[in-house]
Amino acid sequence: MQTVPQPDPTVLLERLRIAHPLIGFYDAPDPAAFAPVVEPKAGGSTCVFDFYKLWLKGTTLHLTADNFGCGGAGRQLFGIETRTRDAFVKFLADDEGLKASHGLMEQWLDHGKTYKAIHPHLFIGPLHADRYKYLRSATFYVNPDQLSALATGAQYHSAPDDSPPVIARFGSGCMQMASIFDDLDVAQAAIGATDIAMRDRLAPELIAFTVTRPMFARLCSLDERSFLFKPFLERLQKARAKES
């Protein structure tokens, strides 16, 4: 990955009044660079979103192929299977009720990709400009109004023949941070935190908007010519202010 400065999201965050810290998904060689870090309990089955409140306080979650938390994260982030295929299909389709049939569940498993790590260490936590070269995606946690604005921003530079600028695919919360994308080097965003198994860790009004590095750069480049400084957004914000 080319070493370039991290784009500055300050204007974007200020114009959209986004107060929640951005969360980065990093693939890096050295855990010391991300201190302070926390790790899942060894041998446990902890959801990565159990660490959400720690991310907001500045702590980064450290994951490896030997210690990844729950089985879903092991499969999606490291390609490690912790159940037999039949057991996994039955768990997702029958116990969790996520697909109408075993056949559909199997098709989803066959079609989906898992993240291919570059380094032995993955990190989820606060966004840090000095670690930008290791960033794979960035996630905004936003309300519906902010989500609509980010989705508008994601299509601002998009032509009809480009890859869809925004996707909303079925998947686990951690999957929606990385492996939901076909190509992390393409400018694209994914609406996430739609996994009801992890939503109890978030405030009810929050939804995730995860962007690849190229899309993050596009969003940070929005200027006075864009909708960020136009009447529609200002009118929406004034209307919300009257309601509060």
Protein backbone atom coordinates (compact mmCIF):
# COMPACT_ATOMS: atom_id res chain seq x y z
CA MET A 1 0.00 0.00 0.00
CA GLN A 2 1.32 3.42 -0.97
CA THR A 3 2.25 5.72 1.88
CA VAL A 4 0.13 8.86 1.55
CA PRO A 5 -1.21 11.31 4.13
CA GLN A 6 -4.59 10.53 5.60
CA PRO A 7 -7.32 12.75 4.14
CA ASP A 8 -8.71 15.22 6.66
CA PRO A 9 -12.38 14.52 7.54
CA THR A 10 -12.78 17.66 9.69
CA VAL A 11 -14.98 19.64 7.27
CA LEU A 12 -17.15 16.61 6.51
CA LEU A 13 -17.69 15.84 10.20
CA GLU A 14 -18.40 19.45 11.07
CA ARG A 15 -20.84 20.05 8.23
CA LEU A 16 -22.75 16.83 9.01
CA ARG A 17 -22.47 17.37 12.78
CA ILE A 18 -21.06 13.89 13.30
CA ALA A 19 -19.84 13.66 16.88
CA HIS A 20 -19.06 9.93 17.12
CA PRO A 21 -15.39 9.08 16.52
CA LEU A 22 -14.59 7.32 13.28
CA ILE A 23 -13.52 3.70 13.69
CA GLY A 24 -10.79 2.19 11.56
CA PHE A 25 -10.20 -1.39 10.45
CA TYR A 26 -6.44 -1.88 10.20
CA ASP A 27 -4.20 -4.66 8.89
CA ALA A 28 -0.72 -4.05 10.32
CA PRO A 29 2.49 -5.80 11.41
CA ASP A 30 3.10 -4.27 14.86
CA PRO A 31 0.61 -4.24 17.77
CA ALA A 32 2.79 -1.73 19.66
CA ALA A 33 1.86 0.95 17.13
CA PHE A 34 -1.80 0.72 18.20
CA ALA A 35 -1.43 0.89 21.99
CA PRO A 36 -3.46 0.88 24.09
CA VAL A 37 -4.92 -2.39 22.83
CA VAL A 38 -7.34 -4.94 24.22
CA GLU A 39 -7.77 -8.56 23.14
CA PRO A 40 -10.70 -11.00 23.39
CA LYS A 41 -10.55 -13.48 26.21
CA ALA A 42 -8.59 -16.48 24.96
CA GLY A 43 -10.83 -19.42 24.12
CA GLY A 44 -13.97 -17.33 24.45
CA SER A 45 -16.63 -16.33 21.96
CA THR A 46 -16.70 -12.56 22.24
CA CYS A 47 -18.27 -10.34 19.58
CA VAL A 48 -15.93 -7.63 18.34
CA PHE A 49 -18.67 -5.09 19.09
CA ASP A 50 -18.44 -5.89 22.78
CA PHE A 51 -15.43 -3.55 22.57
CA TYR A 52 -17.35 -0.68 20.92
CA LYS A 53 -17.41 1.52 24.02
CA LEU A 54 -13.68 1.00 24.47
CA TRP A 55 -13.09 2.13 20.87
CA LEU A 56 -14.85 5.39 21.70
CA LYS A 57 -12.50 5.86 24.65
CA GLY A 58 -9.38 5.40 22.53
CA THR A 59 -8.64 1.69 22.95
CA THR A 60 -8.04 -0.55 19.92
CA LEU A 61 -9.12 -4.19 19.59
CA HIS A 62 -6.30 -6.53 18.54
CA LEU A 63 -7.23 -9.73 16.69
CA THR A 64 -5.12 -12.61 15.39
CA ALA A 65 -5.74 -16.02 13.85
CA ASP A 66 -5.12 -17.48 17.31
CA ASN A 67 -7.40 -15.08 19.15
CA PHE A 68 -10.30 -13.65 17.14
CA GLY A 69 -13.25 -13.68 19.54
CA CYS A 70 -16.35 -15.32 18.09
CA GLY A 71 -16.45 -17.94 15.36
CA GLY A 72 -18.07 -15.52 12.93
CA ALA A 73 -15.11 -13.15 13.20
CA GLY A 74 -12.72 -16.07 12.85
CA ARG A 75 -14.34 -17.10 9.59
CA GLN A 76 -14.88 -13.63 8.09
CA LEU A 77 -11.60 -12.01 9.11
CA PHE A 78 -9.18 -14.96 9.08
CA GLY A 79 -10.89 -17.69 7.04
CA ILE A 80 -10.94 -20.02 10.03
CA GLU A 81 -13.85 -22.47 10.27
CA THR A 82 -14.88 -23.28 13.83
CA ARG A 83 -17.87 -25.48 12.86
CA THR A 84 -18.49 -28.08 10.21
CA ARG A 85 -20.31 -26.71 7.17
CA ASP A 86 -23.52 -28.58 8.01
CA ALA A 87 -23.45 -27.33 11.60
CA PHE A 88 -22.81 -23.76 10.45
CA VAL A 89 -25.65 -23.86 7.93
CA LYS A 90 -28.06 -25.25 10.53
CA PHE A 91 -26.98 -22.66 13.08
CA LEU A 92 -27.47 -19.71 10.72
CA ALA A 93 -30.64 -20.94 9.02
CA ASP A 94 -32.39 -22.78 11.86
CA ASP A 95 -31.11 -21.37 15.15
CA GLU A 96 -30.70 -17.79 13.94
CA GLY A 97 -33.36 -17.86 11.21
CA LEU A 98 -31.31 -15.81 8.76
CA LYS A 99 -32.31 -17.52 5.51
CA ALA A 100 -35.48 -19.24 4.34
CA SER A 101 -33.77 -22.56 3.66
CA HIS A 102 -30.53 -24.46 4.05
CA GLY A 103 -30.06 -24.18 0.28
CA LEU A 104 -30.16 -20.40 0.33
CA MET A 105 -27.81 -20.34 3.29
CA GLU A 106 -25.36 -22.57 1.45
CA GLN A 107 -25.55 -20.38 -1.65
CA TRP A 108 -24.69 -17.36 0.50
CA LEU A 109 -21.73 -19.17 2.01
CA ASP A 110 -20.50 -20.24 -1.43
CA HIS A 111 -20.88 -16.77 -2.91
CA GLY A 112 -19.36 -14.81 -0.03
CA LYS A 113 -15.69 -13.99 0.42
CA THR A 114 -13.62 -13.80 3.57
CA TYR A 115 -11.04 -11.12 4.29
CA LYS A 116 -7.50 -11.96 3.18
CA ALA A 117 -5.16 -10.52 5.81
CA ILE A 118 -1.89 -8.96 4.70
CA HIS A 119 -0.29 -9.08 8.15
CA PRO A 120 -0.75 -11.38 11.19
CA HIS A 121 -2.53 -8.65 13.14
CA LEU A 122 -5.90 -6.95 12.60
CA PHE A 123 -7.06 -3.95 14.59
CA ILE A 124 -10.41 -2.22 15.10
CA GLY A 125 -10.42 1.07 16.90
CA PRO A 126 -10.00 4.84 16.72
CA LEU A 127 -8.87 6.41 13.48
CA HIS A 128 -5.22 7.53 13.62
CA ALA A 129 -3.71 9.65 10.86
CA ASP A 130 -0.20 8.31 11.48
CA ARG A 131 -1.35 4.73 10.79
CA TYR A 132 -3.20 5.50 7.58
CA LYS A 133 -1.05 3.23 5.41
CA TYR A 134 -2.49 0.25 7.30
CA LEU A 135 -6.12 1.39 7.11
CA ARG A 136 -8.44 -0.87 5.11
CA SER A 137 -11.79 0.77 5.92
CA ALA A 138 -13.25 3.51 8.07
CA THR A 139 -16.68 3.45 9.71
CA PHE A 140 -18.95 6.36 10.53
CA TYR A 141 -21.61 5.69 13.20
CA VAL A 142 -24.43 8.03 12.33
CA ASN A 143 -28.13 8.81 12.56
CA PRO A 144 -30.46 8.47 9.52
CA ASP A 145 -30.04 12.11 8.46
CA GLN A 146 -26.27 11.83 8.53
CA LEU A 147 -26.47 8.50 6.73
CA SER A 148 -28.48 10.06 3.91
CA ALA A 149 -25.90 12.82 3.56
CA LEU A 150 -22.98 10.37 3.50
CA ALA A 151 -24.78 8.27 0.89
CA THR A 152 -25.24 11.42 -1.20
CA GLY A 153 -21.55 12.18 -0.79
CA ALA A 154 -20.60 8.67 -1.83
CA GLN A 155 -22.28 9.09 -5.21
CA TYR A 156 -20.98 12.65 -5.79
CA HIS A 157 -18.04 11.50 -7.96
CA SER A 158 -19.73 8.34 -9.27
CA ALA A 159 -20.58 7.74 -12.93
CA PRO A 160 -23.37 5.37 -14.03
CA ASP A 161 -20.89 2.75 -15.24
CA ASP A 162 -18.86 2.74 -12.01
CA SER A 163 -19.22 0.12 -9.29
CA PRO A 164 -22.22 0.90 -7.06
CA PRO A 165 -21.03 3.65 -4.71
CA VAL A 166 -23.15 2.33 -1.83
CA ILE A 167 -24.06 -1.28 -1.06
CA ALA A 168 -26.15 -2.84 1.71
CA ARG A 169 -25.41 -6.54 1.72
CA PHE A 170 -26.45 -9.18 4.22
CA GLY A 171 -23.70 -10.14 6.64
CA SER A 172 -22.41 -10.03 10.18
CA GLY A 173 -21.32 -6.77 11.77
CA CYS A 174 -17.61 -7.54 11.46
CA MET A 175 -18.09 -8.80 7.90
CA GLN A 176 -19.60 -5.43 6.99
CA MET A 177 -16.31 -3.76 7.97
CA ALA A 178 -14.16 -5.56 5.40
CA SER A 179 -15.15 -8.71 3.52
CA ILE A 180 -18.49 -7.21 2.44
CA PHE A 181 -16.52 -5.38 -0.26
CA ASP A 182 -15.47 -7.18 -3.43
CA ASP A 183 -12.41 -4.94 -3.71
CA LEU A 184 -11.17 -2.69 -0.91
CA ASP A 185 -9.20 -0.66 -3.46
CA VAL A 186 -12.40 0.51 -5.17
CA ALA A 187 -14.22 3.63 -3.98
CA GLN A 188 -17.27 2.14 -2.27
CA ALA A 189 -19.33 2.39 0.90
CA ALA A 190 -21.41 -0.18 2.76
CA ILE A 191 -24.38 0.40 5.05
CA GLY A 192 -23.67 -1.77 8.07
CA ALA A 193 -24.60 -2.51 11.68
CA THR A 194 -27.67 -4.24 10.23
CA ASP A 195 -26.75 -7.46 12.03
CA ILE A 196 -29.35 -7.65 14.81
CA ALA A 197 -27.04 -9.91 16.82
CA MET A 198 -24.70 -6.97 17.48
CA ARG A 199 -27.03 -3.97 17.45
CA ASP A 200 -27.65 -4.07 21.20
CA ARG A 201 -24.10 -2.72 21.63
CA LEU A 202 -25.06 0.49 19.77
CA ALA A 203 -27.49 3.28 20.55
CA PRO A 204 -30.76 2.54 18.69
CA GLU A 205 -30.48 5.56 16.38
CA LEU A 206 -27.03 4.65 15.08
CA ILE A 207 -26.23 2.88 11.84
CA ALA A 208 -22.82 2.19 10.31
CA PHE A 209 -21.50 3.65 7.07
CA THR A 210 -18.23 1.91 6.24
CA VAL A 211 -16.02 3.22 3.46
CA THR A 212 -12.95 1.96 1.65
CA ARG A 213 -9.85 4.15 1.59
CA PRO A 214 -10.62 5.55 -1.88
CA MET A 215 -14.18 6.41 -0.83
CA PHE A 216 -12.90 7.98 2.40
CA ALA A 217 -10.69 10.25 0.28
CA ARG A 218 -13.64 11.19 -1.93
CA LEU A 219 -15.83 12.09 1.03
CA CYS A 220 -13.07 14.15 2.62
CA SER A 221 -12.64 16.08 -0.66
CA LEU A 222 -16.21 17.43 -0.67
CA ASP A 223 -16.02 21.22 -0.75
CA GLU A 224 -18.13 24.37 -1.11
CA ARG A 225 -19.41 23.28 -4.52
CA SER A 226 -21.03 20.17 -3.03
CA PHE A 227 -24.30 19.68 -1.20
CA LEU A 228 -22.45 20.10 2.12
CA PHE A 229 -22.76 23.85 1.68
CA LYS A 230 -26.11 24.00 -0.12
CA PRO A 231 -29.65 24.81 1.09
CA PHE A 232 -31.06 21.28 1.27
CA LEU A 233 -28.70 20.19 4.04
CA GLU A 234 -29.02 23.49 5.89
CA ARG A 235 -32.82 23.27 5.73
CA LEU A 236 -32.79 19.73 7.08
CA GLN A 237 -30.54 20.67 9.98
CA LYS A 238 -32.66 23.70 10.84
CA ALA A 239 -35.78 21.53 10.84
CA ARG A 240 -34.17 19.04 13.22
CA ALA A 241 -33.05 21.85 15.49
CA LYS A 242 -36.65 23.08 15.80
CA GLU A 243 -37.79 19.58 16.73
CA SER A 244 -35.29 19.22 19.56
